């Protein structure tokens, strides 16, 4: 993804909203909106946003898991499966 190809001023957003919705929905690429020459907003279609949010959630879970491992808060898989088998027998 090359954001520099999708940079538009806020005036473009105001005057081409419907066209932008169509473009972003078709391309799946985000658009950076500038105000006074500075990037201030990223606009994206809902599918891309959801995929981005899902990715961030997964990364957060992985980071939390990694932290638990580093702090010694984990059990070996064999122990977990043995515990499950004991529950099934009870």
C-alpha atoms as a PDB file:
ATOM      1  CA  UNK A   1       0.000   0.000   0.000  1.00  0.00           C
ATOM      2  CA  UNK A   2       1.431   3.334  -1.025  1.00  0.00           C
ATOM      3  CA  UNK A   3      -0.319   6.041   0.930  1.00  0.00           C
ATOM      4  CA  UNK A   4       1.442   8.801  -0.971  1.00  0.00           C
ATOM      5  CA  UNK A   5      -0.693   7.995  -4.017  1.00  0.00           C
ATOM      6  CA  UNK A   6      -3.911   8.450  -2.028  1.00  0.00           C
ATOM      7  CA  UNK A   7      -3.465  11.843  -0.409  1.00  0.00           C
ATOM      8  CA  UNK A   8      -6.153  14.457  -0.963  1.00  0.00           C
ATOM      9  CA  UNK A   9      -6.986  17.799   0.616  1.00  0.00           C
ATOM     10  CA  UNK A  10     -10.106  18.147   2.716  1.00  0.00           C
ATOM     11  CA  UNK A  11     -11.710  20.261  -0.005  1.00  0.00           C
ATOM     12  CA  UNK A  12     -11.530  17.202  -2.313  1.00  0.00           C
ATOM     13  CA  UNK A  13     -13.304  15.123   0.333  1.00  0.00           C
ATOM     14  CA  UNK A  14     -16.040  17.730   0.650  1.00  0.00           C
ATOM     15  CA  UNK A  15     -16.700  17.976  -3.077  1.00  0.00           C
ATOM     16  CA  UNK A  16     -16.195  14.319  -4.097  1.00  0.00           C
ATOM     17  CA  UNK A  17     -17.604  12.309  -1.182  1.00  0.00           C
ATOM     18  CA  UNK A  18     -19.698   9.909  -3.287  1.00  0.00           C
ATOM     19  CA  UNK A  19     -16.832   9.276  -5.706  1.00  0.00           C
ATOM     20  CA  UNK A  20     -14.445   8.651  -2.795  1.00  0.00           C
ATOM     21  CA  UNK A  21     -16.844   6.112  -1.275  1.00  0.00           C
ATOM     22  CA  UNK A  22     -16.959   4.235  -4.594  1.00  0.00           C
ATOM     23  CA  UNK A  23     -13.163   4.344  -5.046  1.00  0.00           C
ATOM     24  CA  UNK A  24     -12.382   3.177  -1.525  1.00  0.00           C
ATOM     25  CA  UNK A  25     -14.977   0.431  -1.616  1.00  0.00           C
ATOM     26  CA  UNK A  26     -13.598  -0.900  -4.887  1.00  0.00           C
ATOM     27  CA  UNK A  27      -9.893  -0.545  -4.114  1.00  0.00           C
ATOM     28  CA  UNK A  28      -9.861  -1.322  -0.404  1.00  0.00           C
ATOM     29  CA  UNK A  29      -7.086   1.239  -0.061  1.00  0.00           C
ATOM     30  CA  UNK A  30      -7.274   4.002   2.530  1.00  0.00           C
ATOM     31  CA  UNK A  31      -7.125   7.689   1.642  1.00  0.00           C
ATOM     32  CA  UNK A  32      -5.200  10.279   3.632  1.00  0.00           C
ATOM     33  CA  UNK A  33      -6.947  13.632   3.969  1.00  0.00           C
ATOM     34  CA  UNK A  34      -4.904  16.739   4.605  1.00  0.00           C
ATOM     35  CA  UNK A  35      -5.870  20.013   6.197  1.00  0.00           C
ATOM     36  CA  UNK A  36      -3.606  23.034   5.894  1.00  0.00           C
ATOM     37  CA  UNK A  37      -0.999  20.805   4.258  1.00  0.00           C
ATOM     38  CA  UNK A  38      -0.823  18.284   7.104  1.00  0.00           C
ATOM     39  CA  UNK A  39      -2.204  14.756   7.195  1.00  0.00           C
ATOM     40  CA  UNK A  40      -5.132  14.794   9.630  1.00  0.00           C
ATOM     41  CA  UNK A  41      -7.464  11.946   8.697  1.00  0.00           C
ATOM     42  CA  UNK A  42      -7.477   8.484   7.172  1.00  0.00           C
ATOM     43  CA  UNK A  43     -10.644   7.377   5.379  1.00  0.00           C
ATOM     44  CA  UNK A  44     -11.261   3.718   4.541  1.00  0.00           C
ATOM     45  CA  UNK A  45     -14.100   1.413   3.604  1.00  0.00           C
ATOM     46  CA  UNK A  46     -15.774  -0.661   6.309  1.00  0.00           C
ATOM     47  CA  UNK A  47     -14.384  -4.018   5.144  1.00  0.00           C
ATOM     48  CA  UNK A  48     -10.838  -2.706   5.290  1.00  0.00           C
ATOM     49  CA  UNK A  49     -11.498  -1.124   8.664  1.00  0.00           C
ATOM     50  CA  UNK A  50     -12.877  -4.392  10.057  1.00  0.00           C
ATOM     51  CA  UNK A  51      -9.906  -6.351   8.708  1.00  0.00           C
ATOM     52  CA  UNK A  52      -7.573  -3.787  10.289  1.00  0.00           C
ATOM     53  CA  UNK A  53      -9.414  -3.989  13.619  1.00  0.00           C
ATOM     54  CA  UNK A  54      -9.349  -7.807  13.546  1.00  0.00           C
ATOM     55  CA  UNK A  55      -5.610  -7.774  12.858  1.00  0.00           C
ATOM     56  CA  UNK A  56      -4.977  -5.390  15.732  1.00  0.00           C
ATOM     57  CA  UNK A  57      -7.068  -7.551  18.077  1.00  0.00           C
ATOM     58  CA  UNK A  58      -5.100 -10.652  17.093  1.00  0.00           C
ATOM     59  CA  UNK A  59      -1.798  -8.843  17.590  1.00  0.00           C
ATOM     60  CA  UNK A  60      -2.953  -7.727  21.035  1.00  0.00           C
ATOM     61  CA  UNK A  61      -3.827 -11.306  22.008  1.00  0.00           C
ATOM     62  CA  UNK A  62      -0.433 -12.494  20.771  1.00  0.00           C
ATOM     63  CA  UNK A  63       1.364  -9.739  22.703  1.00  0.00           C
ATOM     64  CA  UNK A  64      -0.540 -10.609  25.885  1.00  0.00           C
ATOM     65  CA  UNK A  65       0.318 -14.275  25.406  1.00  0.00           C
ATOM     66  CA  UNK A  66       3.969 -13.441  24.869  1.00  0.00           C
ATOM     67  CA  UNK A  67       3.973 -11.364  28.059  1.00  0.00           C
ATOM     68  CA  UNK A  68       2.420 -14.250  29.993  1.00  0.00           C
ATOM     69  CA  UNK A  69       5.136 -16.590  28.695  1.00  0.00           C
ATOM     70  CA  UNK A  70       7.872 -14.130  29.646  1.00  0.00           C
ATOM     71  CA  UNK A  71       6.394 -13.875  33.168  1.00  0.00           C
ATOM     72  CA  UNK A  72       6.168 -17.653  33.513  1.00  0.00           C
ATOM     73  CA  UNK A  73       2.373 -17.767  33.452  1.00  0.00           C
ATOM     74  CA  UNK A  74       1.799 -20.743  31.198  1.00  0.00           C
ATOM     75  CA  UNK A  75       1.332 -24.519  31.250  1.00  0.00           C
ATOM     76  CA  UNK A  76       2.793 -27.088  28.934  1.00  0.00           C
ATOM     77  CA  UNK A  77       0.335 -28.448  26.379  1.00  0.00           C
ATOM     78  CA  UNK A  78       0.790 -31.973  27.746  1.00  0.00           C
ATOM     79  CA  UNK A  79      -0.367 -30.803  31.191  1.00  0.00           C
ATOM     80  CA  UNK A  80      -3.397 -29.061  29.737  1.00  0.00           C
ATOM     81  CA  UNK A  81      -4.461 -32.124  27.745  1.00  0.00           C
ATOM     82  CA  UNK A  82      -3.922 -34.356  30.770  1.00  0.00           C
ATOM     83  CA  UNK A  83      -6.179 -32.058  32.817  1.00  0.00           C
ATOM     84  CA  UNK A  84      -8.858 -32.223  30.126  1.00  0.00           C
ATOM     85  CA  UNK A  85      -8.692 -36.029  30.044  1.00  0.00           C
ATOM     86  CA  UNK A  86      -9.101 -36.144  33.833  1.00  0.00           C
ATOM     87  CA  UNK A  87     -12.205 -33.951  33.573  1.00  0.00           C
ATOM     88  CA  UNK A  88     -13.658 -36.242  30.921  1.00  0.00           C
ATOM     89  CA  UNK A  89     -13.179 -39.260  33.206  1.00  0.00           C
ATOM     90  CA  UNK A  90     -14.904 -37.590  36.140  1.00  0.00           C
END
